[in-house]
Structure formats: structure tokens, C-alpha cells
Amino acid sequence: MSKHQVNGDQYWFHCYYRGEDRDDGCANELSLSTDPAADQLDLLVSNPGFNNESHDDTFALQKGDVKKLSAFLQSWLKRHS
């Protein structure tokens, strides 16, 4: 398995990274999914610890949040391209 993997479809975005040296060296995962029951995106961040214990955090993004996040990311891409 490579250190960095990104995949997804129209319902999911999934990013996996192993070897985060600025953190603790453990794997990190970020997943975004559409929520069929609500008009929002669900965000899941996972970081397994040294003993394979799971540390998961979830967050819901509303449409306004996504628009602001999109503008932030577009601005970042323009500055770094």
C-alpha cells in the first residue's frame, strides 16, 4: 500500500496517508460523504494510534460551510499553482 491514496466517486471522497512525520507517524484518513438524510456533507477524520486504537472525529458541513471551504481551497490552489 502506498503512503498516499485518494479515491472516491460522486458520493465519497477518501484520502489515506501513512507516515505523517509532523504528527505521530501513524496513518491518517479523511473521508467526505453526502448525507442522504440531510442536506449536508459528513466529514470523518480517523487516526489509529500506536496500539491500533481508533481515534475518529466527525463533523457535518452545511451548504454555506462548503461554499466557504471551496472558496478557500480555490484561493489556495491559485496561490500554489
C-alpha atoms as a PDB file:
ATOM      1  CA  MET A   1       0.000   0.000   0.000  1.00  0.00           C
ATOM      2  CA  SER A   2       1.411   3.381  -0.932  1.00  0.00           C
ATOM      3  CA  LYS A   3       1.836   6.171   1.573  1.00  0.00           C
ATOM      4  CA  HIS A   4      -0.792   8.399  -0.039  1.00  0.00           C
ATOM      5  CA  GLN A   5      -4.016   7.253  -1.677  1.00  0.00           C
ATOM      6  CA  VAL A   6      -7.019   9.251  -2.877  1.00  0.00           C
ATOM      7  CA  ASN A   7     -10.195   7.790  -4.318  1.00  0.00           C
ATOM      8  CA  GLY A   8     -13.914   8.345  -4.437  1.00  0.00           C
ATOM      9  CA  ASP A   9     -16.982   8.796  -6.578  1.00  0.00           C
ATOM     10  CA  GLN A  10     -19.918  11.209  -6.674  1.00  0.00           C
ATOM     11  CA  TYR A  11     -20.890  10.255  -3.100  1.00  0.00           C
ATOM     12  CA  TRP A  12     -17.489   9.791  -1.391  1.00  0.00           C
ATOM     13  CA  PHE A  13     -14.059  11.410  -1.244  1.00  0.00           C
ATOM     14  CA  HIS A  14     -11.475   9.377   0.634  1.00  0.00           C
ATOM     15  CA  CYS A  15      -7.846  10.262   1.335  1.00  0.00           C
ATOM     16  CA  TYR A  16      -5.420   7.976   3.177  1.00  0.00           C
ATOM     17  CA  TYR A  17      -1.909   8.912   4.248  1.00  0.00           C
ATOM     18  CA  ARG A  18       0.560   6.770   6.173  1.00  0.00           C
ATOM     19  CA  GLY A  19       3.719   8.178   7.732  1.00  0.00           C
ATOM     20  CA  GLU A  20       2.683  11.640   8.823  1.00  0.00           C
ATOM     21  CA  ASP A  21       6.003  12.704  10.322  1.00  0.00           C
ATOM     22  CA  ARG A  22       4.704  16.083  11.506  1.00  0.00           C
ATOM     23  CA  ASP A  23       2.128  14.250  13.603  1.00  0.00           C
ATOM     24  CA  ASP A  24       2.807  10.909  15.275  1.00  0.00           C
ATOM     25  CA  GLY A  25       3.840   8.761  12.304  1.00  0.00           C
ATOM     26  CA  CYS A  26       0.542   6.841  12.324  1.00  0.00           C
ATOM     27  CA  ALA A  27      -1.899   6.571   9.439  1.00  0.00           C
ATOM     28  CA  ASN A  28      -4.403   9.373   8.843  1.00  0.00           C
ATOM     29  CA  GLU A  29      -7.654   9.138   6.913  1.00  0.00           C
ATOM     30  CA  LEU A  30     -10.089  11.777   5.737  1.00  0.00           C
ATOM     31  CA  SER A  31     -13.471  10.894   4.260  1.00  0.00           C
ATOM     32  CA  LEU A  32     -16.245  13.129   2.982  1.00  0.00           C
ATOM     33  CA  SER A  33     -19.639  11.694   2.118  1.00  0.00           C
ATOM     34  CA  THR A  34     -23.009  13.016   1.105  1.00  0.00           C
ATOM     35  CA  ASP A  35     -25.648  12.527   3.766  1.00  0.00           C
ATOM     36  CA  PRO A  36     -28.838  11.133   2.186  1.00  0.00           C
ATOM     37  CA  ALA A  37     -30.930  12.059   5.221  1.00  0.00           C
ATOM     38  CA  ALA A  38     -29.776  15.683   5.446  1.00  0.00           C
ATOM     39  CA  ASP A  39     -28.660  18.430   3.098  1.00  0.00           C
ATOM     40  CA  GLN A  40     -25.051  18.303   4.260  1.00  0.00           C
ATOM     41  CA  LEU A  41     -21.678  16.628   3.830  1.00  0.00           C
ATOM     42  CA  ASP A  42     -20.373  14.368   6.569  1.00  0.00           C
ATOM     43  CA  LEU A  43     -16.657  14.560   7.329  1.00  0.00           C
ATOM     44  CA  LEU A  44     -14.778  11.774   9.127  1.00  0.00           C
ATOM     45  CA  VAL A  45     -11.167  12.076  10.251  1.00  0.00           C
ATOM     46  CA  SER A  46      -9.501   8.912  11.583  1.00  0.00           C
ATOM     47  CA  ASN A  47      -6.111   8.442  13.190  1.00  0.00           C
ATOM     48  CA  PRO A  48      -5.267   4.976  14.532  1.00  0.00           C
ATOM     49  CA  GLY A  49      -2.897   5.211  17.483  1.00  0.00           C
ATOM     50  CA  PHE A  50       0.281   3.304  18.284  1.00  0.00           C
ATOM     51  CA  ASN A  51      -1.695   0.361  19.727  1.00  0.00           C
ATOM     52  CA  ASN A  52      -4.222   0.345  16.847  1.00  0.00           C
ATOM     53  CA  GLU A  53      -6.842   2.120  18.957  1.00  0.00           C
ATOM     54  CA  SER A  54      -9.095   4.226  16.778  1.00  0.00           C
ATOM     55  CA  HIS A  55      -9.433   7.993  17.161  1.00  0.00           C
ATOM     56  CA  ASP A  56     -12.345   9.142  14.975  1.00  0.00           C
ATOM     57  CA  ASP A  57     -13.861  12.598  14.702  1.00  0.00           C
ATOM     58  CA  THR A  58     -16.953  13.505  12.711  1.00  0.00           C
ATOM     59  CA  PHE A  59     -18.211  16.859  11.514  1.00  0.00           C
ATOM     60  CA  ALA A  60     -21.157  17.990   9.384  1.00  0.00           C
ATOM     61  CA  LEU A  61     -20.698  20.664   6.715  1.00  0.00           C
ATOM     62  CA  GLN A  62     -23.739  22.680   5.649  1.00  0.00           C
ATOM     63  CA  LYS A  63     -24.003  24.244   2.159  1.00  0.00           C
ATOM     64  CA  GLY A  64     -22.707  27.603   3.386  1.00  0.00           C
ATOM     65  CA  ASP A  65     -19.715  25.895   5.004  1.00  0.00           C
ATOM     66  CA  VAL A  66     -18.937  24.032   1.775  1.00  0.00           C
ATOM     67  CA  LYS A  67     -19.108  27.240  -0.278  1.00  0.00           C
ATOM     68  CA  LYS A  68     -16.627  28.967   2.058  1.00  0.00           C
ATOM     69  CA  LEU A  69     -14.373  25.899   2.101  1.00  0.00           C
ATOM     70  CA  SER A  70     -14.492  25.731  -1.696  1.00  0.00           C
ATOM     71  CA  ALA A  71     -13.500  29.409  -1.978  1.00  0.00           C
ATOM     72  CA  PHE A  72     -10.635  28.853   0.480  1.00  0.00           C
ATOM     73  CA  LEU A  73      -9.360  25.823  -1.464  1.00  0.00           C
ATOM     74  CA  GLN A  74      -9.654  27.596  -4.824  1.00  0.00           C
ATOM     75  CA  SER A  75      -7.688  30.545  -3.462  1.00  0.00           C
ATOM     76  CA  TRP A  76      -5.008  28.185  -2.124  1.00  0.00           C
ATOM     77  CA  LEU A  77      -4.782  26.391  -5.470  1.00  0.00           C
ATOM     78  CA  LYS A  78      -4.326  29.699  -7.306  1.00  0.00           C
ATOM     79  CA  ARG A  79      -1.532  30.777  -4.950  1.00  0.00           C
ATOM     80  CA  HIS A  80       0.272  27.424  -5.278  1.00  0.00           C
ATOM     81  CA  SER A  81      -0.027  26.689  -8.981  1.00  0.00           C
END
